[in-house]
Amino acid sequence: MRTFLLLSTLSSQGLQTLATTPERLFEVNREIESIGGRVVRQWALLGAYDFLSVVEAPDERTISRITVELASRGSASFETLTAIPVDELIDALDQPPPG
């Protein structure tokens, strides 16, 4: 499984839903699982983003499907970052360049 960081910003609709039904956050996490991902950790943020979620998914296609599905509802927008374990980065840097 690959690790992705989802930075989410709620729309006014999303903020209203959160205020009236905070447990909706857990429903979204279950929806992520039904699409093929898994929320590993999640934080509410103060600042430019409202939430940071660490999500595992098999690949970039799956995380793209998750974010498109969630964003299409109009309650949040997402910035997705791929997290690469440091040991994998070091291994890649130790490899000779292709070609």
N, C-alpha and C. Protein backbone atom coordinates (compact mmCIF):
# COMPACT_ATOMS: atom_id res chain seq x y z
N MET A 1 0.84 -1.18 0.00
CA MET A 1 0.00 0.00 0.00
C MET A 1 0.88 1.24 0.00
N ARG A 2 0.46 2.22 -0.72
CA ARG A 2 1.15 3.52 -0.77
C ARG A 2 0.52 4.45 0.27
N THR A 3 1.28 5.43 0.71
CA THR A 3 0.79 6.39 1.69
C THR A 3 0.60 7.74 1.02
N PHE A 4 -0.54 8.36 1.27
CA PHE A 4 -0.87 9.66 0.72
C PHE A 4 -1.34 10.58 1.84
N LEU A 5 -1.00 11.85 1.70
CA LEU A 5 -1.48 12.86 2.63
C LEU A 5 -2.55 13.66 1.92
N LEU A 6 -3.73 13.72 2.51
CA LEU A 6 -4.82 14.49 1.94
C LEU A 6 -5.03 15.73 2.79
N LEU A 7 -4.80 16.88 2.20
CA LEU A 7 -5.09 18.15 2.86
C LEU A 7 -6.45 18.58 2.34
N SER A 8 -7.41 18.75 3.23
CA SER A 8 -8.75 19.08 2.78
C SER A 8 -9.21 20.42 3.32
N THR A 9 -9.96 21.11 2.48
CA THR A 9 -10.57 22.38 2.83
C THR A 9 -12.07 22.23 2.62
N LEU A 10 -12.82 22.50 3.67
CA LEU A 10 -14.27 22.37 3.58
C LEU A 10 -14.88 23.60 2.92
N SER A 11 -15.90 23.36 2.11
CA SER A 11 -16.69 24.46 1.55
C SER A 11 -17.67 24.92 2.63
N SER A 12 -18.42 25.97 2.36
CA SER A 12 -19.42 26.42 3.34
C SER A 12 -20.44 25.32 3.60
N GLN A 13 -20.77 24.56 2.56
CA GLN A 13 -21.68 23.42 2.72
C GLN A 13 -21.06 22.38 3.64
N GLY A 14 -19.78 22.07 3.43
CA GLY A 14 -19.08 21.10 4.27
C GLY A 14 -18.97 21.55 5.72
N LEU A 15 -18.72 22.85 5.93
CA LEU A 15 -18.66 23.38 7.29
C LEU A 15 -20.01 23.27 7.98
N GLN A 16 -21.07 23.55 7.24
CA GLN A 16 -22.42 23.44 7.81
C GLN A 16 -22.72 21.99 8.19
N THR A 17 -22.36 21.06 7.33
CA THR A 17 -22.58 19.64 7.63
C THR A 17 -21.79 19.24 8.87
N LEU A 18 -20.53 19.68 8.96
CA LEU A 18 -19.70 19.35 10.12
C LEU A 18 -20.31 19.91 11.40
N ALA A 19 -20.83 21.12 11.35
CA ALA A 19 -21.41 21.75 12.54
C ALA A 19 -22.67 21.01 13.00
N THR A 20 -23.47 20.54 12.06
CA THR A 20 -24.73 19.89 12.43
C THR A 20 -24.59 18.38 12.67
N THR A 21 -23.65 17.74 11.95
CA THR A 21 -23.46 16.30 12.09
C THR A 21 -21.97 15.95 12.06
N PRO A 22 -21.27 16.19 13.16
CA PRO A 22 -19.82 15.94 13.18
C PRO A 22 -19.45 14.47 12.90
N GLU A 23 -20.34 13.55 13.22
CA GLU A 23 -20.05 12.13 12.97
C GLU A 23 -19.96 11.81 11.48
N ARG A 24 -20.34 12.75 10.63
CA ARG A 24 -20.22 12.58 9.18
C ARG A 24 -18.78 12.30 8.78
N LEU A 25 -17.83 12.83 9.57
CA LEU A 25 -16.40 12.56 9.29
C LEU A 25 -16.12 11.07 9.26
N PHE A 26 -16.71 10.33 10.20
CA PHE A 26 -16.47 8.88 10.24
C PHE A 26 -17.14 8.17 9.07
N GLU A 27 -18.28 8.69 8.62
CA GLU A 27 -18.94 8.12 7.45
C GLU A 27 -18.06 8.30 6.21
N VAL A 28 -17.43 9.46 6.08
CA VAL A 28 -16.54 9.70 4.94
C VAL A 28 -15.37 8.72 4.99
N ASN A 29 -14.83 8.46 6.17
CA ASN A 29 -13.73 7.51 6.29
C ASN A 29 -14.16 6.11 5.85
N ARG A 30 -15.39 5.72 6.18
CA ARG A 30 -15.89 4.42 5.73
C ARG A 30 -16.08 4.41 4.21
N GLU A 31 -16.48 5.53 3.63
CA GLU A 31 -16.61 5.62 2.18
C GLU A 31 -15.25 5.48 1.51
N ILE A 32 -14.22 6.08 2.10
CA ILE A 32 -12.86 5.92 1.57
C ILE A 32 -12.49 4.44 1.55
N GLU A 33 -12.83 3.72 2.61
CA GLU A 33 -12.54 2.28 2.66
C GLU A 33 -13.31 1.53 1.57
N SER A 34 -14.55 1.92 1.31
CA SER A 34 -15.34 1.22 0.30
C SER A 34 -14.77 1.42 -1.11
N ILE A 35 -14.00 2.51 -1.29
CA ILE A 35 -13.39 2.78 -2.60
C ILE A 35 -12.02 2.13 -2.72
N GLY A 36 -11.47 1.64 -1.62
CA GLY A 36 -10.18 0.94 -1.69
C GLY A 36 -9.06 1.55 -0.88
N GLY A 37 -9.35 2.60 -0.12
CA GLY A 37 -8.33 3.23 0.72
C GLY A 37 -8.56 2.93 2.19
N ARG A 38 -7.71 3.48 3.03
CA ARG A 38 -7.86 3.32 4.47
C ARG A 38 -7.28 4.54 5.15
N VAL A 39 -8.08 5.20 5.99
CA VAL A 39 -7.61 6.34 6.76
C VAL A 39 -6.80 5.81 7.94
N VAL A 40 -5.52 6.17 7.97
CA VAL A 40 -4.62 5.70 9.02
C VAL A 40 -4.63 6.66 10.21
N ARG A 41 -4.56 7.95 9.95
CA ARG A 41 -4.60 9.00 10.98
C ARG A 41 -5.29 10.21 10.40
N GLN A 42 -5.81 11.04 11.29
CA GLN A 42 -6.53 12.23 10.81
C GLN A 42 -6.45 13.31 11.88
N TRP A 43 -6.23 14.54 11.43
CA TRP A 43 -6.15 15.68 12.33
C TRP A 43 -7.01 16.82 11.79
N ALA A 44 -7.62 17.57 12.69
CA ALA A 44 -8.24 18.84 12.36
C ALA A 44 -7.13 19.88 12.44
N LEU A 45 -7.12 20.82 11.51
CA LEU A 45 -6.06 21.81 11.43
C LEU A 45 -6.60 23.22 11.61
N LEU A 46 -5.74 24.09 12.08
CA LEU A 46 -6.02 25.51 12.11
C LEU A 46 -5.14 26.14 11.05
N GLY A 47 -5.70 26.92 10.16
CA GLY A 47 -4.91 27.53 9.10
C GLY A 47 -5.58 27.37 7.75
N ALA A 48 -4.77 27.25 6.72
CA ALA A 48 -5.28 27.21 5.34
C ALA A 48 -6.09 25.95 5.04
N TYR A 49 -5.83 24.86 5.75
CA TYR A 49 -6.54 23.60 5.53
C TYR A 49 -7.34 23.25 6.78
N ASP A 50 -8.40 22.49 6.60
CA ASP A 50 -9.25 22.09 7.72
C ASP A 50 -8.87 20.74 8.31
N PHE A 51 -8.40 19.83 7.45
CA PHE A 51 -8.04 18.49 7.91
C PHE A 51 -6.81 17.97 7.18
N LEU A 52 -6.05 17.14 7.88
CA LEU A 52 -4.96 16.37 7.28
C LEU A 52 -5.28 14.92 7.56
N SER A 53 -5.36 14.13 6.50
CA SER A 53 -5.63 12.70 6.63
C SER A 53 -4.48 11.92 6.00
N VAL A 54 -3.98 10.94 6.73
CA VAL A 54 -3.01 10.00 6.19
C VAL A 54 -3.82 8.81 5.69
N VAL A 55 -3.75 8.59 4.39
CA VAL A 55 -4.56 7.55 3.76
C VAL A 55 -3.65 6.58 3.04
N GLU A 56 -3.91 5.30 3.23
CA GLU A 56 -3.22 4.26 2.46
C GLU A 56 -4.14 3.82 1.33
N ALA A 57 -3.54 3.64 0.16
CA ALA A 57 -4.27 3.16 -1.01
C ALA A 57 -3.29 2.37 -1.86
N PRO A 58 -3.78 1.45 -2.68
CA PRO A 58 -2.88 0.62 -3.47
C PRO A 58 -2.04 1.41 -4.47
N ASP A 59 -2.58 2.52 -5.00
CA ASP A 59 -1.87 3.24 -6.05
C ASP A 59 -2.48 4.63 -6.25
N GLU A 60 -1.87 5.39 -7.16
CA GLU A 60 -2.32 6.75 -7.45
C GLU A 60 -3.71 6.78 -8.08
N ARG A 61 -4.04 5.77 -8.86
CA ARG A 61 -5.36 5.72 -9.48
C ARG A 61 -6.46 5.63 -8.42
N THR A 62 -6.22 4.82 -7.41
CA THR A 62 -7.21 4.66 -6.35
C THR A 62 -7.38 5.94 -5.56
N ILE A 63 -6.27 6.58 -5.19
CA ILE A 63 -6.39 7.82 -4.41
C ILE A 63 -7.03 8.92 -5.26
N SER A 64 -6.76 8.91 -6.56
CA SER A 64 -7.42 9.87 -7.45
C SER A 64 -8.92 9.65 -7.47
N ARG A 65 -9.32 8.40 -7.55
CA ARG A 65 -10.75 8.07 -7.55
C ARG A 65 -11.40 8.53 -6.24
N ILE A 66 -10.70 8.31 -5.13
CA ILE A 66 -11.21 8.72 -3.82
C ILE A 66 -11.42 10.23 -3.78
N THR A 67 -10.40 10.98 -4.16
CA THR A 67 -10.52 12.44 -4.05
C THR A 67 -11.52 13.02 -5.05
N VAL A 68 -11.60 12.46 -6.24
CA VAL A 68 -12.60 12.94 -7.21
C VAL A 68 -14.00 12.65 -6.69
N GLU A 69 -14.20 11.46 -6.19
CA GLU A 69 -15.52 11.09 -5.65
C GLU A 69 -15.92 12.03 -4.51
N LEU A 70 -15.02 12.27 -3.58
CA LEU A 70 -15.35 13.13 -2.44
C LEU A 70 -15.51 14.60 -2.86
N ALA A 71 -14.63 15.09 -3.73
CA ALA A 71 -14.70 16.49 -4.15
C ALA A 71 -15.94 16.76 -5.01
N SER A 72 -16.41 15.77 -5.72
CA SER A 72 -17.57 15.96 -6.61
C SER A 72 -18.84 16.31 -5.84
N ARG A 73 -18.85 16.08 -4.56
CA ARG A 73 -20.03 16.37 -3.74
C ARG A 73 -20.13 17.84 -3.37
N GLY A 74 -19.04 18.57 -3.55
CA GLY A 74 -19.05 19.99 -3.28
C GLY A 74 -18.84 20.40 -1.84
N SER A 75 -18.55 19.44 -0.97
CA SER A 75 -18.38 19.78 0.45
C SER A 75 -16.92 20.00 0.84
N ALA A 76 -15.98 19.63 -0.03
CA ALA A 76 -14.56 19.79 0.29
C ALA A 76 -13.74 19.77 -0.99
N SER A 77 -12.56 20.39 -0.90
CA SER A 77 -11.57 20.27 -1.96
C SER A 77 -10.31 19.68 -1.33
N PHE A 78 -9.46 19.08 -2.16
CA PHE A 78 -8.33 18.33 -1.65
C PHE A 78 -7.04 18.68 -2.36
N GLU A 79 -5.96 18.62 -1.62
CA GLU A 79 -4.61 18.61 -2.17
C GLU A 79 -4.02 17.28 -1.73
N THR A 80 -3.52 16.50 -2.68
CA THR A 80 -3.01 15.17 -2.39
C THR A 80 -1.50 15.15 -2.56
N LEU A 81 -0.82 14.62 -1.57
CA LEU A 81 0.64 14.48 -1.61
C LEU A 81 0.99 13.01 -1.46
N THR A 82 1.95 12.55 -2.24
CA THR A 82 2.44 11.19 -2.11
C THR A 82 3.57 11.19 -1.09
N ALA A 83 3.47 10.30 -0.11
CA ALA A 83 4.51 10.18 0.91
C ALA A 83 5.41 9.00 0.55
N ILE A 84 6.70 9.27 0.44
CA ILE A 84 7.67 8.23 0.11
C ILE A 84 8.51 7.96 1.36
N PRO A 85 8.54 6.72 1.83
CA PRO A 85 9.38 6.42 3.00
C PRO A 85 10.83 6.81 2.72
N VAL A 86 11.49 7.36 3.72
CA VAL A 86 12.86 7.85 3.55
C VAL A 86 13.80 6.74 3.07
N ASP A 87 13.64 5.53 3.59
CA ASP A 87 14.53 4.44 3.16
C ASP A 87 14.34 4.13 1.67
N GLU A 88 13.12 4.26 1.14
CA GLU A 88 12.90 4.06 -0.29
C GLU A 88 13.55 5.17 -1.10
N LEU A 89 13.50 6.40 -0.60
CA LEU A 89 14.16 7.51 -1.27
C LEU A 89 15.67 7.29 -1.33
N ILE A 90 16.25 6.89 -0.22
CA ILE A 90 17.70 6.65 -0.17
C ILE A 90 18.08 5.52 -1.13
N ASP A 91 17.28 4.44 -1.15
CA ASP A 91 17.55 3.35 -2.10
C ASP A 91 17.50 3.85 -3.54
N ALA A 92 16.52 4.69 -3.85
CA ALA A 92 16.40 5.23 -5.22
C ALA A 92 17.60 6.11 -5.57
N LEU A 93 18.08 6.87 -4.60
CA LEU A 93 19.22 7.75 -4.85
C LEU A 93 20.51 6.96 -5.03
N ASP A 94 20.56 5.77 -4.46
CA ASP A 94 21.75 4.92 -4.58
C ASP A 94 21.79 4.16 -5.89
N GLN A 95 20.69 4.16 -6.65
CA GLN A 95 20.63 3.44 -7.92
C GLN A 95 21.27 4.28 -9.02
N PRO A 96 21.96 3.63 -9.97
CA PRO A 96 22.49 4.40 -11.11
C PRO A 96 21.33 4.92 -11.96
N PRO A 97 21.51 6.08 -12.60
CA PRO A 97 20.45 6.60 -13.45
C PRO A 97 20.13 5.66 -14.60
N PRO A 98 18.86 5.59 -15.02
CA PRO A 98 18.50 4.70 -16.13
C PRO A 98 19.16 5.16 -17.43
N GLY A 99 19.43 4.15 -18.28
CA GLY A 99 19.94 4.46 -19.62
C GLY A 99 21.37 4.41 -19.69
